[in-house]
Protein backbone atom coordinates (compact mmCIF):
# COMPACT_ATOMS: atom_id res chain seq x y z
CA UNK A 1 0.00 0.00 0.00
CA UNK A 2 1.43 3.38 -0.97
CA UNK A 3 1.91 6.07 1.63
CA UNK A 4 0.36 9.47 1.10
CA UNK A 5 2.34 12.68 1.48
CA UNK A 6 0.48 13.47 4.68
CA UNK A 7 1.53 10.13 6.21
CA UNK A 8 5.15 10.63 5.18
CA UNK A 9 5.25 14.13 6.62
CA UNK A 10 3.85 12.90 9.91
CA UNK A 11 7.01 10.82 10.36
CA UNK A 12 9.38 13.79 10.40
CA UNK A 13 10.18 15.66 13.66
CA UNK A 14 8.56 19.00 14.43
CA UNK A 15 11.22 21.72 14.29
CA UNK A 16 10.56 25.26 15.45
CA UNK A 17 12.98 27.37 13.40
CA UNK A 18 11.25 28.25 10.12
CA UNK A 19 13.73 27.18 7.42
CA UNK A 20 14.60 23.96 9.26
CA UNK A 21 10.96 22.88 9.12
CA UNK A 22 11.62 22.23 5.44
CA UNK A 23 14.40 19.66 5.82
CA UNK A 24 12.48 17.41 3.39
CA UNK A 25 13.84 19.66 0.66
CA UNK A 26 17.51 19.20 1.62
CA UNK A 27 18.26 16.15 -0.60
CA UNK A 28 16.77 17.94 -3.61
CA UNK A 29 18.79 21.08 -2.86
CA UNK A 30 21.97 19.02 -2.51
CA UNK A 31 21.29 17.53 -5.93
CA UNK A 32 20.51 20.95 -7.42
CA UNK A 33 23.72 22.48 -6.08
CA UNK A 34 25.76 19.56 -7.42
CA UNK A 35 24.23 19.97 -10.86
CA UNK A 36 24.98 23.72 -10.79
CA UNK A 37 28.64 23.06 -9.98
CA UNK A 38 28.86 20.52 -12.83
CA UNK A 39 27.19 22.97 -15.21
CA UNK A 40 29.80 25.64 -14.48
CA UNK A 41 32.72 23.21 -14.67
CA UNK A 42 31.62 21.50 -17.93
CA UNK A 43 30.14 24.18 -20.25
CA UNK A 44 29.57 21.67 -23.04
CA UNK A 45 27.01 19.81 -20.92
CA UNK A 46 25.73 22.83 -19.01
CA UNK A 47 22.21 22.72 -20.45
CA UNK A 48 21.77 19.11 -19.28
CA UNK A 49 23.01 19.80 -15.76
CA UNK A 50 20.92 22.96 -15.51
CA UNK A 51 17.86 20.93 -16.52
CA UNK A 52 18.52 18.45 -13.70
CA UNK A 53 19.10 21.30 -11.25
CA UNK A 54 15.79 22.84 -12.29
CA UNK A 55 13.95 19.57 -11.71
CA UNK A 56 15.56 19.22 -8.28
CA UNK A 57 14.60 22.75 -7.17
CA UNK A 58 11.05 22.23 -8.43
CA UNK A 59 10.71 19.05 -6.40
CA UNK A 60 12.10 20.80 -3.32
CA UNK A 61 9.47 23.50 -3.80
CA UNK A 62 6.63 21.00 -4.17
CA UNK A 63 7.79 18.95 -1.18
CA UNK A 64 7.65 21.91 1.20
CA UNK A 65 4.60 23.70 -0.21
CA UNK A 66 2.19 21.53 1.77
CA UNK A 67 4.05 22.36 4.98
CA UNK A 68 4.09 26.06 4.16
CA UNK A 69 0.33 26.10 3.51
CA UNK A 70 -0.23 24.44 6.88
CA UNK A 71 1.99 27.01 8.63
CA UNK A 72 -0.27 29.80 7.36
CA UNK A 73 -3.40 27.99 8.54
CA UNK A 74 -4.49 26.69 5.14
CA UNK A 75 -5.42 23.24 3.87
CA UNK A 76 -4.62 21.41 0.65
CA UNK A 77 -5.43 17.98 -0.72
CA UNK A 78 -1.74 17.52 -1.54
CA UNK A 79 -1.37 15.52 1.65
CA UNK A 80 -3.66 12.86 0.22
CA UNK A 81 -1.56 12.24 -2.89
CA UNK A 82 0.38 9.00 -3.15
CA UNK A 83 4.05 8.90 -4.14
CA UNK A 84 3.22 8.11 -7.77
CA UNK A 85 0.61 10.87 -7.89
CA UNK A 86 3.10 13.35 -6.43
CA UNK A 87 5.62 12.32 -9.10
CA UNK A 88 3.08 12.84 -11.88
CA UNK A 89 2.21 16.23 -10.43
CA UNK A 90 5.88 17.21 -10.50
CA UNK A 91 6.17 16.22 -14.18
CA UNK A 92 3.01 18.12 -15.07
CA UNK A 93 4.16 21.32 -13.38
CA UNK A 94 7.61 20.94 -14.95
CA UNK A 95 6.06 20.58 -18.42
CA UNK A 96 3.99 23.76 -18.14
CA UNK A 97 6.66 25.82 -16.39
CA UNK A 98 9.48 24.73 -18.72
CA UNK A 99 7.32 25.59 -21.74
CA UNK A 100 6.70 29.06 -20.33
CA UNK A 101 10.39 29.63 -19.58
CA UNK A 102 11.43 28.53 -23.08
CA UNK A 103 8.85 30.86 -24.64
CA UNK A 104 10.10 33.71 -22.45
CA UNK A 105 13.67 33.00 -23.51
CA UNK A 106 12.72 32.97 -27.20
CA UNK A 107 10.80 36.21 -26.75
CA UNK A 108 13.79 37.83 -25.04
CA UNK A 109 16.08 36.63 -27.84
CA UNK A 110 13.73 38.06 -30.45
CA UNK A 111 13.93 41.42 -28.67
CA UNK A 112 17.70 41.22 -28.57
CA UNK A 113 17.90 40.76 -24.83
CA UNK A 114 21.31 39.64 -23.59
CA UNK A 115 19.74 38.16 -20.45
CA UNK A 116 17.57 35.72 -22.42
CA UNK A 117 19.34 32.62 -21.00
CA UNK A 118 18.35 33.75 -17.50
CA UNK A 119 14.73 33.07 -18.45
CA UNK A 120 15.58 29.38 -18.15
CA UNK A 121 16.64 29.88 -14.52
CA UNK A 122 13.26 30.99 -13.23
CA UNK A 123 12.83 27.87 -11.10
CA UNK A 124 16.48 27.85 -10.06
CA UNK A 125 16.09 31.33 -8.58
CA UNK A 126 13.57 30.09 -6.04
CA UNK A 127 16.48 28.57 -4.11
CA UNK A 128 19.68 30.08 -5.50
CA UNK A 129 20.82 33.67 -6.04
CA UNK A 130 20.25 35.30 -9.42
CA UNK A 131 22.63 37.93 -10.88
CA UNK A 132 20.11 40.65 -11.81
CA UNK A 133 16.92 42.17 -10.41
CA UNK A 134 14.89 41.27 -13.56
CA UNK A 135 16.00 37.65 -13.10
CA UNK A 136 14.88 37.78 -9.47
CA UNK A 137 11.53 39.22 -10.55
CA UNK A 138 11.14 36.44 -13.10
CA UNK A 139 11.83 33.81 -10.42
CA UNK A 140 9.18 35.41 -8.19
CA UNK A 141 6.67 35.25 -11.07
CA UNK A 142 7.51 31.61 -11.79
CA UNK A 143 7.24 30.72 -8.09
CA UNK A 144 3.79 32.34 -7.96
CA UNK A 145 2.53 30.39 -10.97
CA UNK A 146 3.91 27.13 -9.59
CA UNK A 147 2.28 27.76 -6.21
CA UNK A 148 -1.09 28.35 -7.87
CA UNK A 149 -0.71 25.16 -9.91
CA UNK A 150 0.10 23.22 -6.75
CA UNK A 151 -2.92 24.68 -4.95
CA UNK A 152 -5.10 23.82 -7.94
CA UNK A 153 -3.71 20.28 -7.93
CA UNK A 154 -4.68 19.97 -4.27
CA UNK A 155 -8.27 20.75 -5.21
CA UNK A 156 -8.41 18.51 -8.27
CA UNK A 157 -6.71 15.31 -7.05
CA UNK A 158 -3.34 16.13 -8.60
CA UNK A 159 -4.54 17.62 -11.90
CA UNK A 160 -3.34 21.08 -12.86
CA UNK A 161 -2.25 23.31 -15.74
CA UNK A 162 -1.45 26.93 -16.52
CA UNK A 163 -4.86 27.44 -18.10
CA UNK A 164 -6.58 26.04 -15.00
CA UNK A 165 -5.11 28.75 -12.78
CA UNK A 166 -6.31 31.61 -14.99
CA UNK A 167 -9.40 32.35 -12.84
CA UNK A 168 -7.24 32.30 -9.70
CA UNK A 169 -4.85 34.82 -11.24
CA UNK A 170 -7.75 37.16 -11.96
CA UNK A 171 -9.37 36.65 -8.56
CA UNK A 172 -6.23 37.12 -6.50
CA UNK A 173 -4.21 39.28 -8.91
CA UNK A 174 -3.75 42.32 -6.67
CA UNK A 175 -2.45 40.38 -3.69
CA UNK A 176 -0.32 38.13 -5.89
CA UNK A 177 1.29 41.17 -7.53
CA UNK A 178 2.00 42.53 -4.05
CA UNK A 179 3.49 39.17 -3.12
CA UNK A 180 5.68 39.15 -6.23
CA UNK A 181 6.92 42.66 -5.46
CA UNK A 182 7.64 41.76 -1.82
CA UNK A 183 9.36 38.54 -2.83
CA UNK A 184 11.54 40.31 -5.41
CA UNK A 185 12.58 42.86 -2.78
CA UNK A 186 13.33 39.99 -0.40
CA UNK A 187 15.46 38.29 -3.06
CA UNK A 188 17.42 41.51 -3.55
CA UNK A 189 18.00 41.93 0.19
CA UNK A 190 18.96 38.30 0.69
CA UNK A 191 21.23 38.42 -2.35
CA UNK A 192 23.03 41.44 -0.91
CA UNK A 193 23.52 39.66 2.40
CA UNK A 194 24.70 36.52 0.60
CA UNK A 195 27.27 38.53 -1.38
CA UNK A 196 28.66 39.99 1.85
CA UNK A 197 28.93 36.56 3.47
CA UNK A 198 30.47 35.12 0.30
CA UNK A 199 33.18 37.81 0.21
CA UNK A 200 34.03 37.07 3.85
CA UNK A 201 34.21 33.35 3.16
CA UNK A 202 36.36 33.81 0.06
CA UNK A 203 38.86 35.80 2.13
CA UNK A 204 38.70 33.13 4.81
CA UNK A 205 39.22 30.42 2.20
CA UNK A 206 42.38 32.08 0.91
CA UNK A 207 44.01 32.85 4.25
CA UNK A 208 42.79 30.30 6.77
CA UNK A 209 45.24 27.58 7.90
CA UNK A 210 42.35 25.16 8.45
CA UNK A 211 42.29 21.78 6.75
CA UNK A 212 40.71 21.78 3.27
CA UNK A 213 38.00 19.42 4.50
CA UNK A 214 36.83 21.96 7.08
CA UNK A 215 36.89 24.72 4.48
CA UNK A 216 34.71 22.61 2.19
CA UNK A 217 32.31 21.91 5.05
CA UNK A 218 31.97 25.62 5.79
CA UNK A 219 31.20 26.35 2.14
CA UNK A 220 28.68 23.53 2.15
CA UNK A 221 26.89 25.07 5.12
CA UNK A 222 26.98 28.49 3.42
CA UNK A 223 25.42 27.24 0.16
CA UNK A 224 22.64 25.21 1.69
CA UNK A 225 21.82 27.65 4.47
CA UNK A 226 21.04 30.35 1.93
CA UNK A 227 19.26 27.90 -0.37
CA UNK A 228 16.98 26.74 2.44
CA UNK A 229 16.43 30.31 3.60
CA UNK A 230 15.53 31.49 0.08
CA UNK A 231 13.14 28.58 -0.46
CA UNK A 232 11.49 29.16 2.93
CA UNK A 233 11.17 32.87 2.25
CA UNK A 234 9.67 32.23 -1.21
CA UNK A 235 6.94 30.00 0.13
CA UNK A 236 6.06 32.05 3.18
CA UNK A 237 5.79 35.35 1.28
CA UNK A 238 3.61 33.88 -1.46
CA UNK A 239 1.40 31.76 0.78
CA UNK A 240 0.87 34.76 3.05
CA UNK A 241 -0.16 36.91 0.09
CA UNK A 242 -2.51 34.22 -1.18
CA UNK A 243 -4.04 33.74 2.26
CA UNK A 244 -4.64 37.47 2.64
CA UNK A 245 -6.37 37.50 -0.73
CA UNK A 246 -8.76 34.75 0.41
CA UNK A 247 -9.43 36.55 3.71
CA UNK A 248 -10.16 39.89 2.02
CA UNK A 249 -12.44 38.22 -0.52
CA UNK A 250 -14.78 36.93 2.17
């Protein structure tokens, strides 16, 4: 008998500090970070590794969305999905989101935009820092669309699509736009903090007499701490905005 998501989540410990409540996402974020490193080190295969990193971040986002909805007092049928149903949901969301990102990239190329490749990193930016504010804004938009598709899937036993969330976009548009703006600002602030910490760690890396193993461990903690924090922040900002929209609509 397959276990539902709700049953699997009941097995994990209750942790008070916000980002650490989403430890279910850690394996996916480890995989995503590994794929990013491989993409930068082997440019010839970068597109393949980036694709795997995107899939990993998306699954991390889906895994913790149910928990985030519960933290804001909401309810979703996601907890009743079996493992196979959750996997099919992930593929469905990936299909629609990837299609949108490719179209956005082609549109940016047609307009002569140099940042067109960043359109493919919309999902990646939900967990990892992006180099420009427009790229951060794009990640916030993608995160919003994915959240709405996940919520829709919770209502329709795992079925969702971009067209299905159209009415929700119209109904909650004002609050979702506010959420996107707040999330983009949060990405900018967190990116600034991450740059400061990175510069400190780079200096430490160059001058510290510590063993290389300890240096690697410190960098590991740095990468995944910010990835977990960014993912946590993404979900809480957007679920809060969506919840406020429902409350105000009553």
